[in-house]
Every structure is written in C-alpha cells, then in structure tokens.
C-alpha atoms as a PDB file:
ATOM      1  CA  MET A   1     -29.220   8.485   1.249  1.00  0.00           C
ATOM      2  CA  LYS A   2     -26.167  10.773   1.064  1.00  0.00           C
ATOM      3  CA  ILE A   3     -26.219  11.324   4.876  1.00  0.00           C
ATOM      4  CA  VAL A   4     -26.196   7.509   5.413  1.00  0.00           C
ATOM      5  CA  ARG A   5     -23.305   7.161   2.856  1.00  0.00           C
ATOM      6  CA  TRP A   6     -21.334   9.916   4.631  1.00  0.00           C
ATOM      7  CA  ILE A   7     -21.913   8.290   8.033  1.00  0.00           C
ATOM      8  CA  LEU A   8     -20.646   4.929   6.731  1.00  0.00           C
ATOM      9  CA  VAL A   9     -17.364   6.394   5.274  1.00  0.00           C
ATOM     10  CA  PRO A  10     -15.461   6.356   8.631  1.00  0.00           C
ATOM     11  CA  GLU A  11     -17.038   2.807   9.132  1.00  0.00           C
ATOM     12  CA  CYS A  12     -15.580   1.672   6.020  1.00  0.00           C
ATOM     13  CA  ALA A  13     -12.184   3.007   6.917  1.00  0.00           C
ATOM     14  CA  ALA A  14     -12.322   1.322  10.387  1.00  0.00           C
ATOM     15  CA  ALA A  15     -13.435  -1.963   8.724  1.00  0.00           C
ATOM     16  CA  GLY A  16     -10.470  -1.746   6.314  1.00  0.00           C
ATOM     17  CA  PHE A  17      -8.075  -1.100   9.213  1.00  0.00           C
ATOM     18  CA  CYS A  18      -9.391  -4.099  11.099  1.00  0.00           C
ATOM     19  CA  ALA A  19      -9.149  -6.325   8.010  1.00  0.00           C
ATOM     20  CA  ALA A  20      -5.545  -5.298   7.474  1.00  0.00           C
ATOM     21  CA  VAL A  21      -4.683  -6.128  11.059  1.00  0.00           C
ATOM     22  CA  VAL A  22      -6.522  -9.472  10.964  1.00  0.00           C
ATOM     23  CA  VAL A  23      -4.796 -10.456   7.675  1.00  0.00           C
ATOM     24  CA  SER A  24      -1.403  -9.578   9.128  1.00  0.00           C
ATOM     25  CA  PHE A  25      -1.940 -11.692  12.203  1.00  0.00           C
ATOM     26  CA  ALA A  26      -3.423 -14.531  10.183  1.00  0.00           C
ATOM     27  CA  ALA A  27      -0.353 -14.460   7.823  1.00  0.00           C
ATOM     28  CA  THR A  28       1.945 -15.028  10.678  1.00  0.00           C
ATOM     29  CA  GLY A  29       1.386 -18.909  11.004  1.00  0.00           C
ATOM     30  CA  PRO A  30       1.796 -19.602   7.239  1.00  0.00           C
ATOM     31  CA  ILE A  31       4.797 -17.303   6.977  1.00  0.00           C
ATOM     32  CA  GLU A  32       6.608 -18.905  10.072  1.00  0.00           C
ATOM     33  CA  ARG A  33       6.583 -22.338   8.068  1.00  0.00           C
ATOM     34  CA  TRP A  34       9.112 -20.656   5.758  1.00  0.00           C
ATOM     35  CA  CYS A  35      11.686 -20.503   8.664  1.00  0.00           C
ATOM     36  CA  PRO A  36      14.799 -22.581   7.941  1.00  0.00           C
ATOM     37  CA  GLY A  37      14.959 -25.596  10.153  1.00  0.00           C
ATOM     38  CA  GLY A  38      18.199 -24.722  11.917  1.00  0.00           C
ATOM     39  CA  GLU A  39      16.892 -21.249  12.815  1.00  0.00           C
ATOM     40  CA  VAL A  40      14.088 -22.458  15.067  1.00  0.00           C
ATOM     41  CA  VAL A  41      14.933 -21.964  18.787  1.00  0.00           C
ATOM     42  CA  SER A  42      12.394 -23.022  21.324  1.00  0.00           C
ATOM     43  CA  GLY A  43       9.704 -23.035  18.657  1.00  0.00           C
ATOM     44  CA  VAL A  44      10.482 -19.489  17.723  1.00  0.00           C
ATOM     45  CA  CYS A  45      12.100 -18.436  14.301  1.00  0.00           C
ATOM     46  CA  SER A  46      15.142 -16.429  14.754  1.00  0.00           C
ATOM     47  CA  VAL A  47      15.255 -15.145  11.267  1.00  0.00           C
ATOM     48  CA  SER A  48      14.417 -11.409  11.121  1.00  0.00           C
ATOM     49  CA  TRP A  49      12.649 -11.361   7.700  1.00  0.00           C
ATOM     50  CA  VAL A  50      10.345 -14.120   8.857  1.00  0.00           C
ATOM     51  CA  ASN A  51       9.286 -12.092  11.747  1.00  0.00           C
ATOM     52  CA  GLN A  52       8.955  -8.942   9.855  1.00  0.00           C
ATOM     53  CA  LEU A  53       6.854 -10.196   6.884  1.00  0.00           C
ATOM     54  CA  PRO A  54       3.483 -10.379   8.442  1.00  0.00           C
ATOM     55  CA  MET A  55       3.794  -6.702   9.559  1.00  0.00           C
ATOM     56  CA  THR A  56       4.979  -5.829   6.089  1.00  0.00           C
ATOM     57  CA  VAL A  57       1.952  -7.664   4.565  1.00  0.00           C
ATOM     58  CA  GLY A  58      -0.319  -5.520   6.957  1.00  0.00           C
ATOM     59  CA  ALA A  59       1.530  -2.310   6.132  1.00  0.00           C
ATOM     60  CA  VAL A  60       1.095  -2.934   2.365  1.00  0.00           C
ATOM     61  CA  LEU A  61      -2.656  -3.959   2.660  1.00  0.00           C
ATOM     62  CA  LEU A  62      -3.475  -1.082   5.133  1.00  0.00           C
ATOM     63  CA  PRO A  63      -3.634   1.890   2.501  1.00  0.00           C
ATOM     64  CA  ILE A  64      -5.543  -0.273  -0.044  1.00  0.00           C
ATOM     65  CA  LEU A  65      -8.152  -1.689   2.446  1.00  0.00           C
ATOM     66  CA  ILE A  66      -8.718   1.818   3.934  1.00  0.00           C
ATOM     67  CA  GLY A  67      -8.566   3.800   0.791  1.00  0.00           C
ATOM     68  CA  ILE A  68     -10.795   2.021  -1.703  1.00  0.00           C
ATOM     69  CA  PRO A  69     -13.859   1.236   0.309  1.00  0.00           C
ATOM     70  CA  THR A  70     -13.968   4.871   1.836  1.00  0.00           C
ATOM     71  CA  VAL A  71     -13.699   6.417  -1.562  1.00  0.00           C
ATOM     72  CA  LEU A  72     -16.235   4.284  -3.204  1.00  0.00           C
ATOM     73  CA  MET A  73     -18.713   4.907  -0.190  1.00  0.00           C
ATOM     74  CA  ALA A  74     -18.359   8.638  -0.334  1.00  0.00           C
ATOM     75  CA  PRO A  75     -21.329  10.251  -2.340  1.00  0.00           C
ATOM     76  CA  SER A  76     -19.284  13.408  -3.328  1.00  0.00           C
ATOM     77  CA  HIS A  77     -15.923  15.096  -2.812  1.00  0.00           C
ATOM     78  CA  ARG A  78     -14.070  11.935  -3.614  1.00  0.00           C
ATOM     79  CA  VAL A  79     -10.712  13.683  -4.331  1.00  0.00           C
ATOM     80  CA  ASN A  80     -10.781  15.220  -0.878  1.00  0.00           C
ATOM     81  CA  VAL A  81     -11.822  11.876   0.657  1.00  0.00           C
ATOM     82  CA  THR A  82      -8.978  10.268  -1.220  1.00  0.00           C
ATOM     83  CA  TRP A  83      -6.275  12.517   0.215  1.00  0.00           C
ATOM     84  CA  VAL A  84      -7.765  12.516   3.780  1.00  0.00           C
ATOM     85  CA  THR A  85      -7.833   8.776   3.660  1.00  0.00           C
ATOM     86  CA  TYR A  86      -4.429   8.532   2.180  1.00  0.00           C
ATOM     87  CA  PHE A  87      -2.872  10.610   4.921  1.00  0.00           C
ATOM     88  CA  LEU A  88      -4.864   8.817   7.675  1.00  0.00           C
ATOM     89  CA  GLY A  89      -3.787   5.514   6.222  1.00  0.00           C
ATOM     90  CA  CYS A  90      -0.073   6.546   6.165  1.00  0.00           C
ATOM     91  CA  ALA A  91      -0.359   7.799   9.677  1.00  0.00           C
ATOM     92  CA  ALA A  92      -1.827   4.432  10.727  1.00  0.00           C
ATOM     93  CA  VAL A  93       0.904   2.542   8.960  1.00  0.00           C
ATOM     94  CA  ILE A  94       3.692   4.617  10.417  1.00  0.00           C
ATOM     95  CA  ASN A  95       2.295   4.261  13.866  1.00  0.00           C
ATOM     96  CA  LEU A  96       1.269   0.519  13.933  1.00  0.00           C
ATOM     97  CA  PHE A  97       3.527  -1.210  11.465  1.00  0.00           C
ATOM     98  CA  LEU A  98       6.593   0.791  10.614  1.00  0.00           C
ATOM     99  CA  ARG A  99       7.702   1.983  14.052  1.00  0.00           C
ATOM    100  CA  PRO A 100       8.454  -1.620  15.277  1.00  0.00           C
ATOM    101  CA  PHE A 101       9.463  -2.873  11.779  1.00  0.00           C
ATOM    102  CA  PRO A 102      11.248  -0.174   9.690  1.00  0.00           C
ATOM    103  CA  ALA A 103      11.995  -2.605   6.890  1.00  0.00           C
ATOM    104  CA  ALA A 104       8.402  -2.549   5.758  1.00  0.00           C
ATOM    105  CA  SER A 105       8.535   1.189   5.033  1.00  0.00           C
ATOM    106  CA  VAL A 106       9.469   0.821   1.383  1.00  0.00           C
ATOM    107  CA  LEU A 107       6.559  -1.440   0.575  1.00  0.00           C
ATOM    108  CA  ALA A 108       3.917   0.436   2.550  1.00  0.00           C
ATOM    109  CA  MET A 109       4.870   3.742   0.957  1.00  0.00           C
ATOM    110  CA  VAL A 110       4.854   2.244  -2.617  1.00  0.00           C
ATOM    111  CA  ALA A 111       1.439   0.658  -1.871  1.00  0.00           C
ATOM    112  CA  GLY A 112       0.140   3.816  -0.428  1.00  0.00           C
ATOM    113  CA  LEU A 113       1.378   5.920  -3.346  1.00  0.00           C
ATOM    114  CA  ILE A 114      -0.075   3.574  -5.891  1.00  0.00           C
ATOM    115  CA  VAL A 115      -3.482   3.385  -4.303  1.00  0.00           C
ATOM    116  CA  GLY A 116      -3.572   7.192  -3.664  1.00  0.00           C
ATOM    117  CA  GLY A 117      -2.506   7.799  -7.326  1.00  0.00           C
ATOM    118  CA  ALA A 118      -4.968   5.484  -8.751  1.00  0.00           C
ATOM    119  CA  LEU A 119      -7.941   6.774  -6.622  1.00  0.00           C
ATOM    120  CA  HIS A 120      -7.035  10.411  -7.518  1.00  0.00           C
ATOM    121  CA  TRP A 121      -6.791   9.472 -11.194  1.00  0.00           C
ATOM    122  CA  ARG A 122     -10.111   7.489 -11.155  1.00  0.00           C
ATOM    123  CA  PHE A 123     -12.176  10.033  -9.264  1.00  0.00           C
ATOM    124  CA  LYS A 124     -10.460  13.411 -10.066  1.00  0.00           C
ATOM    125  CA  ALA A 125     -12.889  16.383 -10.341  1.00  0.00           C
END
C-alpha cells in the first residue's frame, strides 16, 4: 500500500495544479461582472485589477491545492514532502501566475507561507 501512495503523490500535486488553474479561469466570468460600467470597452474591462484578480485567485489557491493533498497522501517523510511540494508550488506560481501579473505576488507568498508553515507544524517529525 505504501508504494501505491507514493505513486499517487505526484498525481495529487498535478490534480491540485489543474484545480487551481480551472478555478482561476472559472473565476474570470464572475469577476468581470464587477467592472464599472464606464470601463467596458468593446466588451472587455479596461480596469487592471479586474483583469489581474482571477490570476491572483489561482496564485493564492495553487500552494494550498498542491500542498495539502500531497502531504496527506505521503505515507512517510511528510516534512520532506512538505518542503519539496512547497518549493515546487512556489516555482509554479512564479512561472505561471506572477510573471504576467506581479501584483499577485504578495498574496501568493502569504498563502504559500501559511500553508507551508501549517503543514510543517502539523507533520513535523
């Protein structure tokens, strides 16, 4: 059973990554409804925070949705899995979300630090 759980650890990370991306894309429609009426040009909102908010949502959710399932799936060495997952999640956030939208960096880092610290505290050796 341990081998199966170790095999499922990367799949949990991939599922969390996909879930964060899907949620950020799904949040685009409802968030665009917050655009002030005078700022819509040719059906597109021209307010920068409305355009950046879905990516911020994804950047905040990515460390959480990658970190928690992988650590819970790991049968042992959970502290090591926490740190590896934390750094991979931060790399994914930087690569996918923060490069085009640097305003999301503060929220993503805070979410990643909270999740990493909570997982380390919960599963410390």
